[in-house]
Amino acid sequence: MCQLALGARDAVPPLCHEVIHVATETGEQYPKALAYRTLAEALVALAPTDRSAAECAMGEAIRLQQAIGNTPELARSYVSYAHLLQGWGDAAQAQTYLTQAIRMFQQMGMVWDLAHAQGDHMLHGQHNQPGIAWACDANARGGTIRRPPIGAAQGGA
């Protein structure tokens, strides 16, 4: 994930495939879901108009997160998917996923994620990928998905 944020896009798909392979062998669904989401983001960064593979990877990430009941990451995947959909020109579908993510963040009291999703909601079509920087920050802190307060500087690896 951090490789993608740092611009080393070509390095990301092989790393994601390795994580998916190892997670499949060990039965670990959480890292597998994150690897699929990251793979989707990387595929779009590498080939923005090649929707099929990226959408398949994102769909698998969402399916896994629903299956294991990981609601925080599911909401983050909805935000990420909304960004991908927006980039593909599917604004209505993007809005649906972003609205769902906002509701989920509100229900879970995830203030930092909520503020950023609502900010994305207000951008009306600007494409960015905040999930990548968030994941790098989480990984730098040992994988704990705790967001800094709004306005705090983000560290990262």
Protein backbone atom coordinates (compact mmCIF):
# COMPACT_ATOMS: atom_id res chain seq x y z
CA MET A 1 0.00 0.00 0.00
CA CYS A 2 2.77 2.40 0.86
CA GLN A 3 4.49 1.60 -2.43
CA LEU A 4 1.41 2.89 -4.23
CA ALA A 5 1.35 6.08 -2.16
CA LEU A 6 5.04 6.58 -2.91
CA GLY A 7 4.47 6.22 -6.64
CA ALA A 8 6.04 2.78 -7.11
CA ARG A 9 2.92 1.57 -8.90
CA ASP A 10 4.53 -1.29 -10.81
CA ALA A 11 5.71 -2.90 -7.57
CA VAL A 12 2.26 -3.06 -6.01
CA PRO A 13 0.38 -5.78 -7.98
CA PRO A 14 3.04 -8.47 -7.42
CA LEU A 15 3.11 -7.64 -3.69
CA CYS A 16 -0.68 -7.80 -3.51
CA HIS A 17 -0.72 -11.15 -5.31
CA GLU A 18 1.85 -12.49 -2.83
CA VAL A 19 -0.23 -11.33 0.15
CA ILE A 20 -3.35 -12.86 -1.41
CA HIS A 21 -1.51 -16.15 -1.96
CA VAL A 22 -0.10 -16.32 1.59
CA ALA A 23 -3.41 -15.23 3.14
CA THR A 24 -5.24 -17.89 1.16
CA GLU A 25 -2.81 -20.56 2.39
CA THR A 26 -3.14 -19.45 6.01
CA GLY A 27 -6.87 -18.70 5.91
CA GLU A 28 -6.41 -15.07 6.91
CA GLN A 29 -9.24 -13.08 5.36
CA TYR A 30 -8.43 -9.60 6.74
CA PRO A 31 -5.07 -9.12 4.98
CA LYS A 32 -6.47 -10.79 1.89
CA ALA A 33 -9.30 -8.23 1.71
CA LEU A 34 -6.87 -5.33 2.16
CA ALA A 35 -4.61 -6.77 -0.54
CA TYR A 36 -7.53 -6.98 -2.96
CA ARG A 37 -8.53 -3.36 -2.26
CA THR A 38 -4.94 -2.20 -2.72
CA LEU A 39 -4.66 -4.26 -5.89
CA ALA A 40 -7.75 -2.53 -7.29
CA GLU A 41 -6.30 0.90 -6.48
CA ALA A 42 -2.96 -0.06 -8.05
CA LEU A 43 -4.55 -1.43 -11.21
CA VAL A 44 -6.43 1.83 -11.69
CA ALA A 45 -3.26 3.83 -11.08
CA LEU A 46 -1.48 1.75 -13.73
CA ALA A 47 -4.29 1.63 -16.31
CA PRO A 48 -7.13 4.02 -15.43
CA THR A 49 -9.38 2.91 -18.29
CA ASP A 50 -9.00 -0.85 -17.67
CA ARG A 51 -11.96 -1.22 -15.36
CA SER A 52 -12.53 -4.98 -15.42
CA ALA A 53 -9.64 -6.30 -13.30
CA ALA A 54 -9.79 -3.42 -10.83
CA GLU A 55 -13.52 -3.82 -10.35
CA CYS A 56 -13.11 -7.57 -9.84
CA ALA A 57 -10.44 -7.01 -7.17
CA MET A 58 -12.51 -4.37 -5.39
CA GLY A 59 -15.54 -6.63 -5.50
CA GLU A 60 -13.57 -9.40 -3.84
CA ALA A 61 -12.31 -7.01 -1.14
CA ILE A 62 -15.88 -5.92 -0.40
CA ARG A 63 -17.18 -9.51 -0.43
CA LEU A 64 -14.49 -10.64 2.03
CA GLN A 65 -15.05 -7.69 4.36
CA GLN A 66 -18.78 -8.36 4.38
CA ALA A 67 -18.17 -12.07 5.06
CA ILE A 68 -15.89 -11.45 8.05
CA GLY A 69 -17.97 -8.57 9.37
CA ASN A 70 -15.19 -6.00 9.18
CA THR A 71 -17.44 -2.96 8.98
CA PRO A 72 -14.73 -0.27 9.37
CA GLU A 73 -12.70 -1.64 6.45
CA LEU A 74 -15.85 -2.28 4.46
CA ALA A 75 -16.76 1.40 4.78
CA ARG A 76 -13.22 2.36 3.72
CA SER A 77 -13.54 0.05 0.72
CA TYR A 78 -16.79 1.78 -0.20
CA VAL A 79 -14.95 5.11 -0.16
CA SER A 80 -12.16 3.68 -2.27
CA TYR A 81 -14.63 2.14 -4.70
CA ALA A 82 -16.47 5.46 -4.94
CA HIS A 83 -13.19 7.07 -6.01
CA LEU A 84 -12.65 4.42 -8.65
CA LEU A 85 -16.21 4.77 -9.94
CA GLN A 86 -15.85 8.54 -10.05
CA GLY A 87 -12.67 8.17 -12.08
CA TRP A 88 -14.52 5.94 -14.53
CA GLY A 89 -17.23 8.57 -14.92
CA ASP A 90 -19.90 6.72 -12.94
CA ALA A 91 -20.79 9.58 -10.62
CA ALA A 92 -24.21 8.26 -9.59
CA GLN A 93 -22.87 4.88 -8.48
CA ALA A 94 -19.92 6.58 -6.79
CA GLN A 95 -22.33 8.76 -4.83
CA THR A 96 -24.26 5.67 -3.70
CA TYR A 97 -21.15 4.01 -2.26
CA LEU A 98 -19.85 7.21 -0.68
CA THR A 99 -23.21 7.90 0.95
CA GLN A 100 -23.28 4.36 2.36
CA ALA A 101 -19.74 4.77 3.72
CA ILE A 102 -20.69 8.06 5.38
CA ARG A 103 -23.67 6.39 7.07
CA MET A 104 -21.46 3.56 8.29
CA PHE A 105 -18.81 5.93 9.66
CA GLN A 106 -21.53 7.89 11.47
CA GLN A 107 -22.96 4.72 13.02
CA MET A 108 -19.52 3.59 14.19
CA GLY A 109 -18.48 7.02 15.48
CA MET A 110 -15.42 7.05 13.21
CA VAL A 111 -14.93 10.80 13.24
CA TRP A 112 -11.71 11.06 11.20
CA ASP A 113 -12.91 8.73 8.44
CA LEU A 114 -16.31 10.44 8.46
CA ALA A 115 -14.79 13.90 8.05
CA HIS A 116 -12.68 12.78 5.13
CA ALA A 117 -15.54 10.92 3.46
CA GLN A 118 -17.77 13.96 3.89
CA GLY A 119 -14.98 16.10 2.44
CA ASP A 120 -14.82 13.76 -0.53
CA HIS A 121 -18.61 14.03 -0.76
CA MET A 122 -18.25 17.80 -1.09
CA LEU A 123 -15.57 17.63 -3.79
CA HIS A 124 -18.16 16.76 -6.44
CA GLY A 125 -16.03 14.67 -8.70
CA GLN A 126 -12.42 15.34 -7.79
CA HIS A 127 -10.48 12.08 -7.83
CA ASN A 128 -8.05 11.23 -5.07
CA GLN A 129 -7.16 8.13 -3.09
CA PRO A 130 -7.04 8.91 0.63
CA GLY A 131 -7.23 5.25 1.62
CA ILE A 132 -3.68 4.70 0.46
CA ALA A 133 -2.13 7.25 2.80
CA TRP A 134 -4.35 6.04 5.65
CA ALA A 135 -3.17 2.48 5.21
CA CYS A 136 0.48 3.55 5.19
CA ASP A 137 -0.07 5.47 8.40
CA ALA A 138 -1.75 2.44 9.97
CA ASN A 139 1.03 0.11 8.88
CA ALA A 140 3.67 2.45 10.30
CA ARG A 141 1.95 2.09 13.66
CA GLY A 142 1.98 -1.70 13.62
CA GLY A 143 -1.21 -2.23 11.66
CA THR A 144 -3.55 -0.56 14.14
CA ILE A 145 -6.26 1.18 12.19
CA ARG A 146 -6.65 4.26 14.37
CA ARG A 147 -6.98 7.56 12.64
CA PRO A 148 -5.34 10.74 13.88
CA PRO A 149 -7.56 13.63 14.93
CA ILE A 150 -8.62 16.00 12.19
CA GLY A 151 -5.83 18.44 11.48
CA ALA A 152 -3.08 16.22 12.91
CA ALA A 153 -0.09 15.59 10.72
CA GLN A 154 -0.02 12.12 9.22
CA GLY A 155 3.11 10.08 9.51
CA GLY A 156 3.81 7.27 7.12
CA ALA A 157 6.29 4.80 5.89
